[in-house]
C-alpha cells in the first residue's frame, strides 16, 4: 500500500481535515472536490483535496 496515493480531504468552510482517501495520481491530475459530512460544521459541505 503506497503512501503517495494517500490524500487528505479538508472542509472548505471550517478548514478541518476530516477524511483521508486514495487516488491514482497518474489517471486523475486535478484536485478532487467531494461533498461530504463535516463533523465540526454538522452539515454536508464541500471537501477539497489538500497536501
Protein backbone atom coordinates (compact mmCIF):
# COMPACT_ATOMS: atom_id res chain seq x y z
CA UNK A 1 0.00 0.00 0.00
CA UNK A 2 1.96 3.06 -1.20
CA UNK A 3 1.63 6.24 0.84
CA UNK A 4 2.00 8.55 -2.16
CA UNK A 5 -1.58 7.67 -3.24
CA UNK A 6 -2.99 8.93 0.09
CA UNK A 7 -4.74 12.33 0.07
CA UNK A 8 -6.37 14.48 2.78
CA UNK A 9 -9.84 15.96 2.35
CA UNK A 10 -10.33 19.34 4.04
CA UNK A 11 -13.63 21.11 4.70
CA UNK A 12 -13.84 24.34 2.69
CA UNK A 13 -15.94 26.04 5.42
CA UNK A 14 -14.06 25.35 8.68
CA UNK A 15 -10.74 24.13 7.19
CA UNK A 16 -10.59 20.96 9.30
CA UNK A 17 -9.21 17.74 7.82
CA UNK A 18 -11.96 15.15 8.25
CA UNK A 19 -11.26 12.41 5.73
CA UNK A 20 -8.36 10.52 4.14
CA UNK A 21 -8.70 8.84 0.79
CA UNK A 22 -6.64 7.39 -2.06
CA UNK A 23 -6.43 8.37 -5.68
CA UNK A 24 -4.46 7.28 -8.71
CA UNK A 25 -2.40 10.38 -9.47
CA UNK A 26 -1.44 9.11 -12.94
CA UNK A 27 -5.10 8.98 -14.02
CA UNK A 28 -6.59 11.90 -12.03
CA UNK A 29 -4.47 15.05 -12.45
CA UNK A 30 -6.92 17.59 -10.97
CA UNK A 31 -7.65 18.07 -7.28
CA UNK A 32 -10.72 16.23 -6.00
CA UNK A 33 -13.75 18.09 -4.61
CA UNK A 34 -16.44 15.99 -2.94
CA UNK A 35 -19.49 16.94 -0.90
CA UNK A 36 -19.16 15.10 2.43
CA UNK A 37 -20.40 15.44 6.02
CA UNK A 38 -18.28 17.68 8.27
CA UNK A 39 -18.35 16.76 11.96
CA UNK A 40 -17.45 20.28 13.11
CA UNK A 41 -19.99 22.12 10.93
CA UNK A 42 -22.57 19.33 11.46
CA UNK A 43 -23.71 19.52 7.83
CA UNK A 44 -22.73 18.45 4.33
CA UNK A 45 -20.04 20.73 2.88
CA UNK A 46 -17.57 20.68 0.03
CA UNK A 47 -14.32 18.91 0.90
CA UNK A 48 -11.23 19.71 -1.15
CA UNK A 49 -8.04 17.71 -1.57
CA UNK A 50 -5.01 19.09 0.27
CA UNK A 51 -1.34 18.10 0.51
